[in-house]
Structure formats: C-alpha cells, structure tokens
Amino acid sequence: MRHRADLTQAEIVKALRYVGCQVFHIGRPCDLLVRRAGRLWLIDCDGVTKHRQRDRKQLEAFAQWGVVLVKTPQEALHAVAL
C-alpha cells in the first residue's frame, strides 16, 4: 500500500524547515525524520481518520522507537525543543 501524506504534514514540514530543521520524509513506520542541532526525532503527523487507522505493528514501532505524534506545526516545534 502506498503511503499518503496526512493533511497537516505539509504545514508541519514548512514550520520545521523555517526554524532550520532538516526534514526527511520516510513514510514508514512514521512520516518524518527530523534533525536539529545534532539531534534526531521521529515524528508522525497525526491525520488518522475513521478511514485510516494505525495498525498494531505501527503502534508497536512507535513505542519502541519513541515516535512523537503531532497534530499541528506548533506541536512539532515543541517536539524538537523549540
């Protein structure tokens, strides 16, 4: 199944890049790999709807890897300590 970007992802990426983050779209198990000041974050843009739910494997990977779920650009900036 092809990965589709969540509706908020473009705004979140724009905000992160605006403050100097490097952002890489990785798709699975989460949406983004973000680098700032020598640190890395795994971020998932939370656009889950009744038509698109996270599966068990994805949730397990989030827990193991410390993936941060964000819904807004402000939450993403907070996640990377800004």
N, C-alpha and C. Protein backbone atom coordinates (compact mmCIF):
# COMPACT_ATOMS: atom_id res chain seq x y z
N MET A 1 0.84 -1.18 0.00
CA MET A 1 0.00 0.00 0.00
C MET A 1 0.89 1.24 0.00
N ARG A 2 0.58 2.20 -0.86
CA ARG A 2 1.34 3.43 -0.97
C ARG A 2 1.02 4.34 0.20
N HIS A 3 2.07 5.00 0.74
CA HIS A 3 1.89 5.92 1.85
C HIS A 3 1.39 7.26 1.33
N ARG A 4 0.35 7.78 1.97
CA ARG A 4 -0.17 9.11 1.60
C ARG A 4 0.10 10.07 2.74
N ALA A 5 0.52 11.27 2.39
CA ALA A 5 0.81 12.28 3.41
C ALA A 5 -0.48 12.72 4.10
N ASP A 6 -0.37 12.93 5.40
CA ASP A 6 -1.52 13.44 6.16
C ASP A 6 -1.76 14.89 5.77
N LEU A 7 -2.96 15.37 5.99
CA LEU A 7 -3.34 16.72 5.59
C LEU A 7 -2.49 17.79 6.24
N THR A 8 -2.04 17.56 7.45
CA THR A 8 -1.26 18.56 8.18
C THR A 8 0.23 18.49 7.90
N GLN A 9 0.67 17.45 7.22
CA GLN A 9 2.10 17.22 7.07
C GLN A 9 2.83 18.36 6.36
N ALA A 10 2.28 18.91 5.31
CA ALA A 10 2.95 19.99 4.56
C ALA A 10 3.18 21.21 5.46
N GLU A 11 2.18 21.57 6.27
CA GLU A 11 2.33 22.71 7.17
C GLU A 11 3.37 22.43 8.25
N ILE A 12 3.39 21.22 8.76
CA ILE A 12 4.35 20.84 9.79
C ILE A 12 5.77 20.88 9.24
N VAL A 13 5.97 20.32 8.06
CA VAL A 13 7.30 20.33 7.43
C VAL A 13 7.75 21.77 7.18
N LYS A 14 6.87 22.60 6.68
CA LYS A 14 7.20 24.00 6.41
C LYS A 14 7.66 24.71 7.69
N ALA A 15 6.94 24.50 8.79
CA ALA A 15 7.30 25.14 10.05
C ALA A 15 8.65 24.65 10.57
N LEU A 16 8.89 23.35 10.48
CA LEU A 16 10.17 22.80 10.94
C LEU A 16 11.34 23.33 10.12
N ARG A 17 11.17 23.37 8.81
CA ARG A 17 12.24 23.88 7.95
C ARG A 17 12.47 25.37 8.16
N TYR A 18 11.42 26.10 8.45
CA TYR A 18 11.53 27.55 8.67
C TYR A 18 12.47 27.85 9.85
N VAL A 19 12.46 27.00 10.87
CA VAL A 19 13.32 27.23 12.03
C VAL A 19 14.66 26.52 11.91
N GLY A 20 14.96 25.98 10.73
CA GLY A 20 16.28 25.42 10.48
C GLY A 20 16.43 23.93 10.63
N CYS A 21 15.34 23.21 10.77
CA CYS A 21 15.41 21.75 10.86
C CYS A 21 15.60 21.14 9.48
N GLN A 22 16.32 20.03 9.44
CA GLN A 22 16.36 19.22 8.23
C GLN A 22 15.23 18.21 8.38
N VAL A 23 14.44 18.04 7.35
CA VAL A 23 13.29 17.15 7.42
C VAL A 23 13.34 16.17 6.25
N PHE A 24 13.24 14.90 6.59
CA PHE A 24 13.25 13.85 5.58
C PHE A 24 11.95 13.07 5.68
N HIS A 25 11.28 12.88 4.56
CA HIS A 25 10.04 12.10 4.50
C HIS A 25 10.45 10.63 4.43
N ILE A 26 10.04 9.85 5.43
CA ILE A 26 10.41 8.44 5.42
C ILE A 26 9.21 7.52 5.25
N GLY A 27 8.02 7.97 5.60
CA GLY A 27 6.80 7.20 5.32
C GLY A 27 6.46 6.11 6.30
N ARG A 28 7.32 5.15 6.53
CA ARG A 28 7.06 4.06 7.47
C ARG A 28 8.28 3.84 8.33
N PRO A 29 8.17 3.58 9.58
CA PRO A 29 6.93 3.40 10.31
C PRO A 29 6.25 4.72 10.68
N CYS A 30 6.92 5.84 10.44
CA CYS A 30 6.33 7.14 10.74
C CYS A 30 6.59 8.07 9.55
N ASP A 31 6.09 9.29 9.63
CA ASP A 31 6.14 10.20 8.50
C ASP A 31 7.51 10.85 8.28
N LEU A 32 8.12 11.36 9.36
CA LEU A 32 9.28 12.23 9.20
C LEU A 32 10.45 11.86 10.10
N LEU A 33 11.64 12.08 9.59
CA LEU A 33 12.87 12.07 10.37
C LEU A 33 13.34 13.51 10.39
N VAL A 34 13.51 14.07 11.58
CA VAL A 34 13.84 15.49 11.72
C VAL A 34 15.16 15.61 12.46
N ARG A 35 16.02 16.50 11.94
CA ARG A 35 17.33 16.74 12.56
C ARG A 35 17.46 18.22 12.86
N ARG A 36 17.89 18.52 14.11
CA ARG A 36 18.17 19.89 14.51
C ARG A 36 19.22 19.87 15.59
N ALA A 37 20.24 20.70 15.42
CA ALA A 37 21.30 20.84 16.43
C ALA A 37 21.91 19.49 16.82
N GLY A 38 22.12 18.63 15.82
CA GLY A 38 22.75 17.35 16.08
C GLY A 38 21.87 16.29 16.71
N ARG A 39 20.59 16.58 16.89
CA ARG A 39 19.65 15.61 17.46
C ARG A 39 18.66 15.15 16.40
N LEU A 40 18.14 13.96 16.59
CA LEU A 40 17.17 13.37 15.66
C LEU A 40 15.85 13.08 16.36
N TRP A 41 14.77 13.28 15.64
CA TRP A 41 13.43 12.94 16.13
C TRP A 41 12.69 12.19 15.04
N LEU A 42 11.90 11.22 15.45
CA LEU A 42 10.96 10.56 14.55
C LEU A 42 9.59 11.15 14.86
N ILE A 43 8.96 11.68 13.84
CA ILE A 43 7.69 12.37 14.02
C ILE A 43 6.63 11.79 13.09
N ASP A 44 5.44 11.59 13.63
CA ASP A 44 4.31 11.18 12.80
C ASP A 44 3.26 12.28 12.85
N CYS A 45 2.84 12.72 11.69
CA CYS A 45 1.81 13.75 11.58
C CYS A 45 0.47 13.06 11.73
N ASP A 46 -0.22 13.37 12.80
CA ASP A 46 -1.42 12.63 13.19
C ASP A 46 -2.62 13.06 12.37
N GLY A 47 -2.86 12.33 11.30
CA GLY A 47 -4.02 12.60 10.47
C GLY A 47 -4.92 11.39 10.39
N VAL A 48 -4.96 10.61 11.46
CA VAL A 48 -5.74 9.38 11.47
C VAL A 48 -7.23 9.72 11.43
N THR A 49 -7.92 9.07 10.55
CA THR A 49 -9.37 9.24 10.43
C THR A 49 -10.02 7.86 10.55
N LYS A 50 -11.33 7.84 10.46
CA LYS A 50 -12.01 6.54 10.54
C LYS A 50 -11.66 5.67 9.33
N HIS A 51 -11.17 6.28 8.26
CA HIS A 51 -10.81 5.51 7.06
C HIS A 51 -9.35 5.08 7.08
N ARG A 52 -8.53 5.68 7.94
CA ARG A 52 -7.11 5.33 8.02
C ARG A 52 -6.73 5.20 9.48
N GLN A 53 -6.58 3.98 9.93
CA GLN A 53 -6.21 3.72 11.32
C GLN A 53 -4.80 3.14 11.36
N ARG A 54 -4.10 3.38 12.45
CA ARG A 54 -2.78 2.78 12.62
C ARG A 54 -2.94 1.31 12.97
N ASP A 55 -2.09 0.48 12.39
CA ASP A 55 -2.15 -0.94 12.71
C ASP A 55 -1.28 -1.25 13.92
N ARG A 56 -1.41 -2.45 14.44
CA ARG A 56 -0.70 -2.87 15.64
C ARG A 56 0.81 -2.77 15.47
N LYS A 57 1.33 -3.19 14.33
CA LYS A 57 2.78 -3.14 14.09
C LYS A 57 3.29 -1.70 14.12
N GLN A 58 2.54 -0.80 13.55
CA GLN A 58 2.95 0.59 13.53
C GLN A 58 2.97 1.16 14.95
N LEU A 59 1.95 0.86 15.75
CA LEU A 59 1.91 1.35 17.12
C LEU A 59 3.05 0.76 17.96
N GLU A 60 3.37 -0.50 17.73
CA GLU A 60 4.49 -1.12 18.44
C GLU A 60 5.80 -0.44 18.07
N ALA A 61 5.97 -0.15 16.79
CA ALA A 61 7.19 0.55 16.34
C ALA A 61 7.28 1.94 16.96
N PHE A 62 6.16 2.64 17.04
CA PHE A 62 6.15 3.97 17.67
C PHE A 62 6.65 3.88 19.11
N ALA A 63 6.16 2.89 19.84
CA ALA A 63 6.56 2.73 21.24
C ALA A 63 8.04 2.38 21.36
N GLN A 64 8.53 1.48 20.52
CA GLN A 64 9.93 1.05 20.57
C GLN A 64 10.89 2.17 20.19
N TRP A 65 10.52 2.97 19.23
CA TRP A 65 11.43 3.97 18.69
C TRP A 65 11.19 5.38 19.22
N GLY A 66 10.20 5.56 20.05
CA GLY A 66 9.94 6.88 20.62
C GLY A 66 9.41 7.89 19.63
N VAL A 67 8.55 7.44 18.75
CA VAL A 67 7.97 8.33 17.74
C VAL A 67 7.04 9.33 18.42
N VAL A 68 7.18 10.60 18.05
CA VAL A 68 6.35 11.67 18.60
C VAL A 68 5.19 11.92 17.65
N LEU A 69 3.97 11.91 18.17
CA LEU A 69 2.78 12.20 17.38
C LEU A 69 2.47 13.68 17.50
N VAL A 70 2.31 14.36 16.36
CA VAL A 70 1.97 15.78 16.38
C VAL A 70 0.77 16.02 15.47
N LYS A 71 -0.04 17.01 15.84
CA LYS A 71 -1.22 17.36 15.04
C LYS A 71 -1.08 18.71 14.37
N THR A 72 -0.21 19.57 14.92
CA THR A 72 -0.09 20.94 14.42
C THR A 72 1.38 21.32 14.28
N PRO A 73 1.66 22.36 13.50
CA PRO A 73 3.04 22.85 13.43
C PRO A 73 3.58 23.25 14.80
N GLN A 74 2.75 23.82 15.65
CA GLN A 74 3.18 24.22 16.99
C GLN A 74 3.61 23.01 17.81
N GLU A 75 2.86 21.92 17.72
CA GLU A 75 3.25 20.70 18.44
C GLU A 75 4.56 20.15 17.91
N ALA A 76 4.78 20.25 16.60
CA ALA A 76 6.03 19.76 16.02
C ALA A 76 7.22 20.58 16.52
N LEU A 77 7.05 21.90 16.58
CA LEU A 77 8.13 22.75 17.08
C LEU A 77 8.41 22.45 18.55
N HIS A 78 7.39 22.21 19.31
CA HIS A 78 7.56 21.85 20.72
C HIS A 78 8.30 20.51 20.84
N ALA A 79 7.98 19.58 19.95
CA ALA A 79 8.61 18.25 19.98
C ALA A 79 10.12 18.32 19.76
N VAL A 80 10.56 19.28 18.98
CA VAL A 80 12.01 19.43 18.72
C VAL A 80 12.62 20.50 19.61
N ALA A 81 11.99 20.72 20.74
CA ALA A 81 12.50 21.61 21.80
C ALA A 81 12.57 23.06 21.39
N LEU A 82 11.59 23.54 20.64
CA LEU A 82 11.53 24.95 20.29
C LEU A 82 10.27 25.57 20.87
